[in-house]
Amino acid sequence: MMDHKKSKAPKSTITQNHNELDAPTDNIYETVSILSKRADQIGEELKTELHDKLDEFATSNESLEEIFENKEQIEVSRFYEALPKPVMLAAEEWKNGEIYFRKPEETTEV
């Protein structure tokens, strides 16, 4: 699994050369489908990770410490908001050849 926090993926939308993107599949629609599925996986991973970190701040009582914890929660949330979007991370993985895919109809059973 890739460490998404260290990714070099762009943080904003950029134009992609579809000829480079669809080279492994020879089908832009199949490529988009693969990227979409991977982006969904990455989004879920990041969401789970964020919720786990925010759960560390959960407390049953209110106090002055909660004000400081709230600042820490905000910092954690801002960090995750500043990460590249899952689709950009998926596209970066795709260009680096880090996404495994297969076509079920091409597999042979013995």
PDB file of N, CA and C in Angstrom:
ATOM      1  N   MET A   1       0.846  -1.176   0.000  1.00  0.00           N
ATOM      2  CA  MET A   1       0.000   0.000   0.000  1.00  0.00           C
ATOM      3  C   MET A   1       0.892   1.240   0.000  1.00  0.00           C
ATOM      4  N   MET A   2       0.491   2.176  -0.801  1.00  0.00           N
ATOM      5  CA  MET A   2       1.259   3.412  -0.949  1.00  0.00           C
ATOM      6  C   MET A   2       0.965   4.367   0.200  1.00  0.00           C
ATOM      7  N   ASP A   3       1.997   5.096   0.637  1.00  0.00           N
ATOM      8  CA  ASP A   3       1.786   6.119   1.656  1.00  0.00           C
ATOM      9  C   ASP A   3       1.300   7.373   0.945  1.00  0.00           C
ATOM     10  N   HIS A   4       0.017   7.635   1.050  1.00  0.00           N
ATOM     11  CA  HIS A   4      -0.604   8.732   0.313  1.00  0.00           C
ATOM     12  C   HIS A   4      -0.129  10.094   0.790  1.00  0.00           C
ATOM     13  N   LYS A   5       0.372  10.147   2.010  1.00  0.00           N
ATOM     14  CA  LYS A   5       0.825  11.432   2.545  1.00  0.00           C
ATOM     15  C   LYS A   5       2.142  11.868   1.904  1.00  0.00           C
ATOM     16  N   LYS A   6       2.868  10.932   1.331  1.00  0.00           N
ATOM     17  CA  LYS A   6       4.157  11.252   0.708  1.00  0.00           C
ATOM     18  C   LYS A   6       4.079  11.264  -0.819  1.00  0.00           C
ATOM     19  N   SER A   7       2.885  11.178  -1.341  1.00  0.00           N
ATOM     20  CA  SER A   7       2.699  11.134  -2.787  1.00  0.00           C
ATOM     21  C   SER A   7       3.089  12.452  -3.436  1.00  0.00           C
ATOM     22  N   LYS A   8       3.569  12.352  -4.652  1.00  0.00           N
ATOM     23  CA  LYS A   8       3.921  13.531  -5.443  1.00  0.00           C
ATOM     24  C   LYS A   8       2.761  13.935  -6.365  1.00  0.00           C
ATOM     25  N   ALA A   9       1.592  13.360  -6.135  1.00  0.00           N
ATOM     26  CA  ALA A   9       0.430  13.665  -6.973  1.00  0.00           C
ATOM     27  C   ALA A   9       0.059  15.137  -6.832  1.00  0.00           C
ATOM     28  N   PRO A  10      -0.377  15.752  -7.927  1.00  0.00           N
ATOM     29  CA  PRO A  10      -0.780  17.166  -7.855  1.00  0.00           C
ATOM     30  C   PRO A  10      -2.006  17.343  -6.965  1.00  0.00           C
ATOM     31  N   LYS A  11      -2.089  18.491  -6.328  1.00  0.00           N
ATOM     32  CA  LYS A  11      -3.200  18.761  -5.417  1.00  0.00           C
ATOM     33  C   LYS A  11      -4.408  19.345  -6.133  1.00  0.00           C
ATOM     34  N   SER A  12      -4.241  19.744  -7.377  1.00  0.00           N
ATOM     35  CA  SER A  12      -5.365  20.274  -8.139  1.00  0.00           C
ATOM     36  C   SER A  12      -5.480  19.509  -9.457  1.00  0.00           C
ATOM     37  N   THR A  13      -6.569  19.697 -10.124  1.00  0.00           N
ATOM     38  CA  THR A  13      -6.834  18.991 -11.368  1.00  0.00           C
ATOM     39  C   THR A  13      -5.870  19.445 -12.465  1.00  0.00           C
ATOM     40  N   ILE A  14      -5.341  18.484 -13.190  1.00  0.00           N
ATOM     41  CA  ILE A  14      -4.474  18.788 -14.328  1.00  0.00           C
ATOM     42  C   ILE A  14      -4.980  18.009 -15.546  1.00  0.00           C
ATOM     43  N   THR A  15      -4.661  18.501 -16.710  1.00  0.00           N
ATOM     44  CA  THR A  15      -5.033  17.822 -17.940  1.00  0.00           C
ATOM     45  C   THR A  15      -4.128  16.614 -18.126  1.00  0.00           C
ATOM     46  N   GLN A  16      -4.740  15.483 -18.446  1.00  0.00           N
ATOM     47  CA  GLN A  16      -3.996  14.251 -18.654  1.00  0.00           C
ATOM     48  C   GLN A  16      -3.983  13.922 -20.144  1.00  0.00           C
ATOM     49  N   ASN A  17      -2.907  13.335 -20.612  1.00  0.00           N
ATOM     50  CA  ASN A  17      -2.835  12.847 -21.986  1.00  0.00           C
ATOM     51  C   ASN A  17      -3.506  11.481 -22.014  1.00  0.00           C
ATOM     52  N   HIS A  18      -4.665  11.397 -22.625  1.00  0.00           N
ATOM     53  CA  HIS A  18      -5.403  10.129 -22.587  1.00  0.00           C
ATOM     54  C   HIS A  18      -4.675   9.012 -23.323  1.00  0.00           C
ATOM     55  N   ASN A  19      -3.817   9.346 -24.280  1.00  0.00           N
ATOM     56  CA  ASN A  19      -3.054   8.298 -24.972  1.00  0.00           C
ATOM     57  C   ASN A  19      -2.076   7.614 -24.027  1.00  0.00           C
ATOM     58  N   GLU A  20      -1.513   8.371 -23.087  1.00  0.00           N
ATOM     59  CA  GLU A  20      -0.622   7.777 -22.090  1.00  0.00           C
ATOM     60  C   GLU A  20      -1.423   7.010 -21.044  1.00  0.00           C
ATOM     61  N   LEU A  21      -2.564   7.574 -20.649  1.00  0.00           N
ATOM     62  CA  LEU A  21      -3.372   6.928 -19.616  1.00  0.00           C
ATOM     63  C   LEU A  21      -3.933   5.592 -20.062  1.00  0.00           C
ATOM     64  N   ASP A  22      -4.436   5.535 -21.302  1.00  0.00           N
ATOM     65  CA  ASP A  22      -5.091   4.296 -21.718  1.00  0.00           C
ATOM     66  C   ASP A  22      -4.144   3.305 -22.400  1.00  0.00           C
ATOM     67  N   ALA A  23      -2.861   3.599 -22.411  1.00  0.00           N
ATOM     68  CA  ALA A  23      -1.898   2.688 -23.053  1.00  0.00           C
ATOM     69  C   ALA A  23      -1.956   1.261 -22.481  1.00  0.00           C
ATOM     70  N   PRO A  24      -2.018   1.074 -21.149  1.00  0.00           N
ATOM     71  CA  PRO A  24      -2.045  -0.307 -20.633  1.00  0.00           C
ATOM     72  C   PRO A  24      -3.305  -1.094 -21.004  1.00  0.00           C
ATOM     73  N   THR A  25      -4.419  -0.412 -21.231  1.00  0.00           N
ATOM     74  CA  THR A  25      -5.670  -1.114 -21.515  1.00  0.00           C
ATOM     75  C   THR A  25      -6.130  -0.968 -22.955  1.00  0.00           C
ATOM     76  N   ASP A  26      -5.618   0.031 -23.668  1.00  0.00           N
ATOM     77  CA  ASP A  26      -6.064   0.368 -25.020  1.00  0.00           C
ATOM     78  C   ASP A  26      -7.543   0.749 -25.050  1.00  0.00           C
ATOM     79  N   ASN A  27      -8.065   1.186 -23.902  1.00  0.00           N
ATOM     80  CA  ASN A  27      -9.474   1.560 -23.830  1.00  0.00           C
ATOM     81  C   ASN A  27      -9.618   2.614 -22.733  1.00  0.00           C
ATOM     82  N   ILE A  28      -9.931   3.840 -23.107  1.00  0.00           N
ATOM     83  CA  ILE A  28     -10.006   4.932 -22.141  1.00  0.00           C
ATOM     84  C   ILE A  28     -11.119   4.690 -21.120  1.00  0.00           C
ATOM     85  N   TYR A  29     -12.219   4.073 -21.538  1.00  0.00           N
ATOM     86  CA  TYR A  29     -13.328   3.825 -20.619  1.00  0.00           C
ATOM     87  C   TYR A  29     -12.949   2.794 -19.562  1.00  0.00           C
ATOM     88  N   GLU A  30     -12.218   1.775 -19.975  1.00  0.00           N
ATOM     89  CA  GLU A  30     -11.748   0.772 -19.023  1.00  0.00           C
ATOM     90  C   GLU A  30     -10.747   1.399 -18.045  1.00  0.00           C
ATOM     91  N   THR A  31      -9.881   2.262 -18.558  1.00  0.00           N
ATOM     92  CA  THR A  31      -8.915   2.955 -17.715  1.00  0.00           C
ATOM     93  C   THR A  31      -9.624   3.824 -16.683  1.00  0.00           C
ATOM     94  N   VAL A  32     -10.614   4.576 -17.126  1.00  0.00           N
ATOM     95  CA  VAL A  32     -11.370   5.439 -16.208  1.00  0.00           C
ATOM     96  C   VAL A  32     -12.079   4.589 -15.149  1.00  0.00           C
ATOM     97  N   SER A  33     -12.602   3.452 -15.549  1.00  0.00           N
ATOM     98  CA  SER A  33     -13.267   2.562 -14.598  1.00  0.00           C
ATOM     99  C   SER A  33     -12.283   2.051 -13.542  1.00  0.00           C
ATOM    100  N   ILE A  34     -11.096   1.657 -13.973  1.00  0.00           N
ATOM    101  CA  ILE A  34     -10.068   1.174 -13.049  1.00  0.00           C
ATOM    102  C   ILE A  34      -9.649   2.293 -12.100  1.00  0.00           C
ATOM    103  N   LEU A  35      -9.416   3.485 -12.652  1.00  0.00           N
ATOM    104  CA  LEU A  35      -9.017   4.627 -11.812  1.00  0.00           C
ATOM    105  C   LEU A  35     -10.119   4.987 -10.821  1.00  0.00           C
ATOM    106  N   SER A  36     -11.353   4.912 -11.252  1.00  0.00           N
ATOM    107  CA  SER A  36     -12.479   5.221 -10.369  1.00  0.00           C
ATOM    108  C   SER A  36     -12.549   4.246  -9.196  1.00  0.00           C
ATOM    109  N   LYS A  37     -12.383   2.972  -9.490  1.00  0.00           N
ATOM    110  CA  LYS A  37     -12.419   1.966  -8.419  1.00  0.00           C
ATOM    111  C   LYS A  37     -11.265   2.157  -7.453  1.00  0.00           C
ATOM    112  N   ARG A  38     -10.081   2.454  -7.974  1.00  0.00           N
ATOM    113  CA  ARG A  38      -8.923   2.665  -7.099  1.00  0.00           C
ATOM    114  C   ARG A  38      -9.099   3.942  -6.276  1.00  0.00           C
ATOM    115  N   ALA A  39      -9.648   4.993  -6.889  1.00  0.00           N
ATOM    116  CA  ALA A  39      -9.890   6.238  -6.159  1.00  0.00           C
ATOM    117  C   ALA A  39     -10.877   6.001  -5.018  1.00  0.00           C
ATOM    118  N   ASP A  40     -11.888   5.175  -5.255  1.00  0.00           N
ATOM    119  CA  ASP A  40     -12.835   4.836  -4.181  1.00  0.00           C
ATOM    120  C   ASP A  40     -12.124   4.119  -3.035  1.00  0.00           C
ATOM    121  N   GLN A  41     -11.220   3.191  -3.375  1.00  0.00           N
ATOM    122  CA  GLN A  41     -10.458   2.480  -2.338  1.00  0.00           C
ATOM    123  C   GLN A  41      -9.590   3.448  -1.539  1.00  0.00           C
ATOM    124  N   ILE A  42      -8.904   4.333  -2.230  1.00  0.00           N
ATOM    125  CA  ILE A  42      -8.036   5.306  -1.560  1.00  0.00           C
ATOM    126  C   ILE A  42      -8.865   6.223  -0.673  1.00  0.00           C
ATOM    127  N   GLY A  43     -10.007   6.681  -1.174  1.00  0.00           N
ATOM    128  CA  GLY A  43     -10.881   7.547  -0.393  1.00  0.00           C
ATOM    129  C   GLY A  43     -11.338   6.877   0.888  1.00  0.00           C
ATOM    130  N   GLU A  44     -11.683   5.604   0.798  1.00  0.00           N
ATOM    131  CA  GLU A  44     -12.100   4.857   1.993  1.00  0.00           C
ATOM    132  C   GLU A  44     -10.935   4.698   2.983  1.00  0.00           C
ATOM    133  N   GLU A  45      -9.732   4.416   2.462  1.00  0.00           N
ATOM    134  CA  GLU A  45      -8.559   4.291   3.331  1.00  0.00           C
ATOM    135  C   GLU A  45      -8.299   5.588   4.081  1.00  0.00           C
ATOM    136  N   LEU A  46      -8.336   6.705   3.356  1.00  0.00           N
ATOM    137  CA  LEU A  46      -8.083   8.002   3.975  1.00  0.00           C
ATOM    138  C   LEU A  46      -9.179   8.362   4.982  1.00  0.00           C
ATOM    139  N   LYS A  47     -10.409   8.058   4.636  1.00  0.00           N
ATOM    140  CA  LYS A  47     -11.532   8.345   5.531  1.00  0.00           C
ATOM    141  C   LYS A  47     -11.396   7.540   6.825  1.00  0.00           C
ATOM    142  N   THR A  48     -11.089   6.263   6.720  1.00  0.00           N
ATOM    143  CA  THR A  48     -10.911   5.418   7.897  1.00  0.00           C
ATOM    144  C   THR A  48      -9.758   5.921   8.751  1.00  0.00           C
ATOM    145  N   GLU A  49      -8.661   6.255   8.106  1.00  0.00           N
ATOM    146  CA  GLU A  49      -7.488   6.767   8.824  1.00  0.00           C
ATOM    147  C   GLU A  49      -7.812   8.066   9.561  1.00  0.00           C
ATOM    148  N   LEU A  50      -8.523   8.971   8.895  1.00  0.00           N
ATOM    149  CA  LEU A  50      -8.901  10.239   9.518  1.00  0.00           C
ATOM    150  C   LEU A  50      -9.817  10.005  10.714  1.00  0.00           C
ATOM    151  N   HIS A  51     -10.821   9.152  10.546  1.00  0.00           N
ATOM    152  CA  HIS A  51     -11.740   8.884  11.655  1.00  0.00           C
ATOM    153  C   HIS A  51     -11.027   8.232  12.832  1.00  0.00           C
ATOM    154  N   ASP A  52     -10.072   7.346  12.552  1.00  0.00           N
ATOM    155  CA  ASP A  52      -9.301   6.723  13.631  1.00  0.00           C
ATOM    156  C   ASP A  52      -8.514   7.777  14.406  1.00  0.00           C
ATOM    157  N   LYS A  53      -7.906   8.708  13.685  1.00  0.00           N
ATOM    158  CA  LYS A  53      -7.136   9.766  14.354  1.00  0.00           C
ATOM    159  C   LYS A  53      -8.047  10.690  15.155  1.00  0.00           C
ATOM    160  N   LEU A  54      -9.207  11.016  14.602  1.00  0.00           N
ATOM    161  CA  LEU A  54     -10.134  11.900  15.314  1.00  0.00           C
ATOM    162  C   LEU A  54     -10.766  11.208  16.518  1.00  0.00           C
ATOM    163  N   ASP A  55     -10.915   9.881  16.443  1.00  0.00           N
ATOM    164  CA  ASP A  55     -11.455   9.131  17.580  1.00  0.00           C
ATOM    165  C   ASP A  55     -10.532   9.198  18.795  1.00  0.00           C
ATOM    166  N   GLU A  56      -9.236   9.410  18.559  1.00  0.00           N
ATOM    167  CA  GLU A  56      -8.297   9.538  19.664  1.00  0.00           C
ATOM    168  C   GLU A  56      -8.630  10.756  20.527  1.00  0.00           C
ATOM    169  N   PHE A  57      -9.294  11.735  19.938  1.00  0.00           N
ATOM    170  CA  PHE A  57      -9.639  12.959  20.656  1.00  0.00           C
ATOM    171  C   PHE A  57     -10.986  12.858  21.367  1.00  0.00           C
ATOM    172  N   ALA A  58     -11.712  11.783  21.123  1.00  0.00           N
ATOM    173  CA  ALA A  58     -13.048  11.647  21.704  1.00  0.00           C
ATOM    174  C   ALA A  58     -12.949  11.589  23.226  1.00  0.00           C
ATOM    175  N   THR A  59     -13.799  12.368  23.875  1.00  0.00           N
ATOM    176  CA  THR A  59     -13.822  12.403  25.334  1.00  0.00           C
ATOM    177  C   THR A  59     -15.265  12.506  25.789  1.00  0.00           C
ATOM    178  N   SER A  60     -15.532  11.969  26.952  1.00  0.00           N
ATOM    179  CA  SER A  60     -16.907  11.964  27.450  1.00  0.00           C
ATOM    180  C   SER A  60     -17.229  13.191  28.301  1.00  0.00           C
ATOM    181  N   ASN A  61     -16.207  13.922  28.718  1.00  0.00           N
ATOM    182  CA  ASN A  61     -16.475  15.107  29.537  1.00  0.00           C
ATOM    183  C   ASN A  61     -15.870  16.336  28.896  1.00  0.00           C
ATOM    184  N   GLU A  62     -16.461  17.481  29.190  1.00  0.00           N
ATOM    185  CA  GLU A  62     -15.958  18.732  28.628  1.00  0.00           C
ATOM    186  C   GLU A  62     -15.083  19.431  29.661  1.00  0.00           C
ATOM    187  N   SER A  63     -13.983  19.976  29.174  1.00  0.00           N
ATOM    188  CA  SER A  63     -13.069  20.674  30.072  1.00  0.00           C
ATOM    189  C   SER A  63     -12.250  21.666  29.263  1.00  0.00           C
ATOM    190  N   LEU A  64     -11.336  22.326  29.921  1.00  0.00           N
ATOM    191  CA  LEU A  64     -10.455  23.256  29.217  1.00  0.00           C
ATOM    192  C   LEU A  64      -9.540  22.519  28.250  1.00  0.00           C
ATOM    193  N   GLU A  65      -9.222  21.275  28.592  1.00  0.00           N
ATOM    194  CA  GLU A  65      -8.370  20.491  27.704  1.00  0.00           C
ATOM    195  C   GLU A  65      -9.043  20.283  26.353  1.00  0.00           C
ATOM    196  N   GLU A  66     -10.370  20.236  26.344  1.00  0.00           N
ATOM    197  CA  GLU A  66     -11.092  20.003  25.101  1.00  0.00           C
ATOM    198  C   GLU A  66     -10.846  21.126  24.095  1.00  0.00           C
ATOM    199  N   ILE A  67     -10.637  22.323  24.571  1.00  0.00           N
ATOM    200  CA  ILE A  67     -10.346  23.446  23.677  1.00  0.00           C
ATOM    201  C   ILE A  67      -9.042  23.184  22.933  1.00  0.00           C
ATOM    202  N   PHE A  68      -8.031  22.701  23.647  1.00  0.00           N
ATOM    203  CA  PHE A  68      -6.747  22.410  23.009  1.00  0.00           C
ATOM    204  C   PHE A  68      -6.861  21.200  22.096  1.00  0.00           C
ATOM    205  N   GLU A  69      -7.620  20.195  22.517  1.00  0.00           N
ATOM    206  CA  GLU A  69      -7.818  19.025  21.673  1.00  0.00           C
ATOM    207  C   GLU A  69      -8.534  19.419  20.392  1.00  0.00           C
ATOM    208  N   ASN A  70      -9.484  20.355  20.519  1.00  0.00           N
ATOM    209  CA  ASN A  70     -10.219  20.804  19.348  1.00  0.00           C
ATOM    210  C   ASN A  70      -9.262  21.429  18.338  1.00  0.00           C
ATOM    211  N   LYS A  71      -8.286  22.192  18.802  1.00  0.00           N
ATOM    212  CA  LYS A  71      -7.294  22.775  17.898  1.00  0.00           C
ATOM    213  C   LYS A  71      -6.499  21.676  17.198  1.00  0.00           C
ATOM    214  N   GLU A  72      -6.158  20.639  17.949  1.00  0.00           N
ATOM    215  CA  GLU A  72      -5.418  19.520  17.353  1.00  0.00           C
ATOM    216  C   GLU A  72      -6.286  18.800  16.320  1.00  0.00           C
ATOM    217  N   GLN A  73      -7.567  18.626  16.637  1.00  0.00           N
ATOM    218  CA  GLN A  73      -8.487  17.997  15.682  1.00  0.00           C
ATOM    219  C   GLN A  73      -8.555  18.807  14.396  1.00  0.00           C
ATOM    220  N   ILE A  74      -8.611  20.116  14.539  1.00  0.00           N
ATOM    221  CA  ILE A  74      -8.672  20.991  13.371  1.00  0.00           C
ATOM    222  C   ILE A  74      -7.411  20.846  12.535  1.00  0.00           C
ATOM    223  N   GLU A  75      -6.255  20.769  13.177  1.00  0.00           N
ATOM    224  CA  GLU A  75      -4.999  20.603  12.454  1.00  0.00           C
ATOM    225  C   GLU A  75      -4.966  19.275  11.695  1.00  0.00           C
ATOM    226  N   VAL A  76      -5.427  18.197  12.351  1.00  0.00           N
ATOM    227  CA  VAL A  76      -5.471  16.889  11.694  1.00  0.00           C
ATOM    228  C   VAL A  76      -6.403  16.961  10.489  1.00  0.00           C
ATOM    229  N   SER A  77      -7.572  17.567  10.665  1.00  0.00           N
ATOM    230  CA  SER A  77      -8.534  17.682   9.564  1.00  0.00           C
ATOM    231  C   SER A  77      -7.966  18.504   8.417  1.00  0.00           C
ATOM    232  N   ARG A  78      -7.307  19.608   8.737  1.00  0.00           N
ATOM    233  CA  ARG A  78      -6.705  20.441   7.689  1.00  0.00           C
ATOM    234  C   ARG A  78      -5.636  19.689   6.914  1.00  0.00           C
ATOM    235  N   PHE A  79      -4.850  18.881   7.633  1.00  0.00           N
ATOM    236  CA  PHE A  79      -3.816  18.098   6.971  1.00  0.00           C
ATOM    237  C   PHE A  79      -4.446  17.178   5.925  1.00  0.00           C
ATOM    238  N   TYR A  80      -5.518  16.473   6.307  1.00  0.00           N
ATOM    239  CA  TYR A  80      -6.161  15.547   5.377  1.00  0.00           C
ATOM    240  C   TYR A  80      -6.858  16.283   4.237  1.00  0.00           C
ATOM    241  N   GLU A  81      -7.391  17.463   4.511  1.00  0.00           N
ATOM    242  CA  GLU A  81      -8.011  18.255   3.451  1.00  0.00           C
ATOM    243  C   GLU A  81      -6.988  18.728   2.432  1.00  0.00           C
ATOM    244  N   ALA A  82      -5.751  18.936   2.877  1.00  0.00           N
ATOM    245  CA  ALA A  82      -4.704  19.441   1.988  1.00  0.00           C
ATOM    246  C   ALA A  82      -4.086  18.348   1.115  1.00  0.00           C
ATOM    247  N   LEU A  83      -4.363  17.094   1.423  1.00  0.00           N
ATOM    248  CA  LEU A  83      -3.818  16.004   0.612  1.00  0.00           C
ATOM    249  C   LEU A  83      -4.431  16.033  -0.782  1.00  0.00           C
ATOM    250  N   PRO A  84      -3.720  15.489  -1.768  1.00  0.00           N
ATOM    251  CA  PRO A  84      -4.314  15.385  -3.104  1.00  0.00           C
ATOM    252  C   PRO A  84      -5.595  14.548  -3.046  1.00  0.00           C
ATOM    253  N   LYS A  85      -6.515  14.841  -3.927  1.00  0.00           N
ATOM    254  CA  LYS A  85      -7.773  14.099  -3.981  1.00  0.00           C
ATOM    255  C   LYS A  85      -7.499  12.651  -4.388  1.00  0.00           C
ATOM    256  N   PRO A  86      -8.352  11.712  -3.942  1.00  0.00           N
ATOM    257  CA  PRO A  86      -8.132  10.291  -4.258  1.00  0.00           C
ATOM    258  C   PRO A  86      -7.960  10.001  -5.740  1.00  0.00           C
ATOM    259  N   VAL A  87      -8.693  10.692  -6.605  1.00  0.00           N
ATOM    260  CA  VAL A  87      -8.557  10.425  -8.044  1.00  0.00           C
ATOM    261  C   VAL A  87      -7.168  10.828  -8.541  1.00  0.00           C
ATOM    262  N   MET A  88      -6.594  11.892  -7.980  1.00  0.00           N
ATOM    263  CA  MET A  88      -5.244  12.300  -8.371  1.00  0.00           C
ATOM    264  C   MET A  88      -4.214  11.288  -7.874  1.00  0.00           C
ATOM    265  N   LEU A  89      -4.441  10.755  -6.664  1.00  0.00           N
ATOM    266  CA  LEU A  89      -3.551   9.720  -6.138  1.00  0.00           C
ATOM    267  C   LEU A  89      -3.643   8.453  -6.992  1.00  0.00           C
ATOM    268  N   ALA A  90      -4.856   8.093  -7.398  1.00  0.00           N
ATOM    269  CA  ALA A  90      -5.043   6.911  -8.248  1.00  0.00           C
ATOM    270  C   ALA A  90      -4.365   7.104  -9.602  1.00  0.00           C
ATOM    271  N   ALA A  91      -4.496   8.288 -10.184  1.00  0.00           N
ATOM    272  CA  ALA A  91      -3.861   8.559 -11.478  1.00  0.00           C
ATOM    273  C   ALA A  91      -2.342   8.481 -11.355  1.00  0.00           C
ATOM    274  N   GLU A  92      -1.804   8.979 -10.254  1.00  0.00           N
ATOM    275  CA  GLU A  92      -0.358   8.919 -10.037  1.00  0.00           C
ATOM    276  C   GLU A  92       0.106   7.468  -9.922  1.00  0.00           C
ATOM    277  N   GLU A  93      -0.644   6.655  -9.156  1.00  0.00           N
ATOM    278  CA  GLU A  93      -0.317   5.236  -9.034  1.00  0.00           C
ATOM    279  C   GLU A  93      -0.386   4.558 -10.403  1.00  0.00           C
ATOM    280  N   TRP A  94      -1.388   4.902 -11.187  1.00  0.00           N
ATOM    281  CA  TRP A  94      -1.571   4.310 -12.517  1.00  0.00           C
ATOM    282  C   TRP A  94      -0.376   4.622 -13.407  1.00  0.00           C
ATOM    283  N   LYS A  95       0.038   5.889 -13.417  1.00  0.00           N
ATOM    284  CA  LYS A  95       1.166   6.294 -14.266  1.00  0.00           C
ATOM    285  C   LYS A  95       2.468   5.637 -13.821  1.00  0.00           C
ATOM    286  N   ASN A  96       2.575   5.331 -12.527  1.00  0.00           N
ATOM    287  CA  ASN A  96       3.779   4.685 -12.003  1.00  0.00           C
ATOM    288  C   ASN A  96       3.704   3.162 -12.097  1.00  0.00           C
ATOM    289  N   GLY A  97       2.624   2.640 -12.668  1.00  0.00           N
ATOM    290  CA  GLY A  97       2.474   1.186 -12.822  1.00  0.00           C
ATOM    291  C   GLY A  97       2.240   0.465 -11.513  1.00  0.00           C
ATOM    292  N   GLU A  98       1.634   1.130 -10.540  1.00  0.00           N
ATOM    293  CA  GLU A  98       1.441   0.551  -9.209  1.00  0.00           C
ATOM    294  C   GLU A  98       0.046  -0.044  -9.009  1.00  0.00           C
ATOM    295  N   ILE A  99      -0.794  -0.001 -10.031  1.00  0.00           N
ATOM    296  CA  ILE A  99      -2.143  -0.556  -9.912  1.00  0.00           C
ATOM    297  C   ILE A  99      -2.196  -1.858 -10.695  1.00  0.00           C
ATOM    298  N   TYR A 100      -2.590  -2.911 -10.013  1.00  0.00           N
ATOM    299  CA  TYR A 100      -2.754  -4.208 -10.652  1.00  0.00           C
ATOM    300  C   TYR A 100      -4.200  -4.329 -11.111  1.00  0.00           C
ATOM    301  N   PHE A 101      -4.396  -4.759 -12.334  1.00  0.00           N
ATOM    302  CA  PHE A 101      -5.740  -5.022 -12.834  1.00  0.00           C
ATOM    303  C   PHE A 101      -5.677  -6.234 -13.738  1.00  0.00           C
ATOM    304  N   ARG A 102      -6.812  -6.874 -13.871  1.00  0.00           N
ATOM    305  CA  ARG A 102      -6.893  -8.014 -14.782  1.00  0.00           C
ATOM    306  C   ARG A 102      -8.282  -8.044 -15.386  1.00  0.00           C
ATOM    307  N   LYS A 103      -8.368  -8.697 -16.508  1.00  0.00           N
ATOM    308  CA  LYS A 103      -9.661  -8.848 -17.189  1.00  0.00           C
ATOM    309  C   LYS A 103     -10.148 -10.271 -16.912  1.00  0.00           C
ATOM    310  N   PRO A 104     -11.233 -10.415 -16.186  1.00  0.00           N
ATOM    311  CA  PRO A 104     -11.709 -11.758 -15.833  1.00  0.00           C
ATOM    312  C   PRO A 104     -11.971 -12.642 -17.057  1.00  0.00           C
ATOM    313  N   GLU A 105     -12.430 -12.059 -18.157  1.00  0.00           N
ATOM    314  CA  GLU A 105     -12.736 -12.878 -19.342  1.00  0.00           C
ATOM    315  C   GLU A 105     -11.485 -13.424 -19.994  1.00  0.00           C
ATOM    316  N   GLU A 106     -10.316 -12.890 -19.663  1.00  0.00           N
ATOM    317  CA  GLU A 106      -9.070 -13.362 -20.269  1.00  0.00           C
ATOM    318  C   GLU A 106      -8.372 -14.428 -19.423  1.00  0.00           C
ATOM    319  N   THR A 107      -8.856 -14.685 -18.228  1.00  0.00           N
ATOM    320  CA  THR A 107      -8.228 -15.705 -17.389  1.00  0.00           C
ATOM    321  C   THR A 107      -8.714 -17.064 -17.842  1.00  0.00           C
ATOM    322  N   THR A 108      -7.827 -18.012 -17.820  1.00  0.00           N
ATOM    323  CA  THR A 108      -8.189 -19.362 -18.251  1.00  0.00           C
ATOM    324  C   THR A 108      -8.248 -20.266 -17.034  1.00  0.00           C
ATOM    325  N   GLU A 109      -9.224 -21.128 -17.040  1.00  0.00           N
ATOM    326  CA  GLU A 109      -9.358 -22.102 -15.955  1.00  0.00           C
ATOM    327  C   GLU A 109      -8.772 -23.412 -16.416  1.00  0.00           C
ATOM    328  N   VAL A 110      -8.118 -24.105 -15.501  1.00  0.00           N
ATOM    329  CA  VAL A 110      -7.495 -25.384 -15.828  1.00  0.00           C
ATOM    330  C   VAL A 110      -8.268 -26.496 -15.206  1.00  0.00           C
TER     331      VAL A 110
END
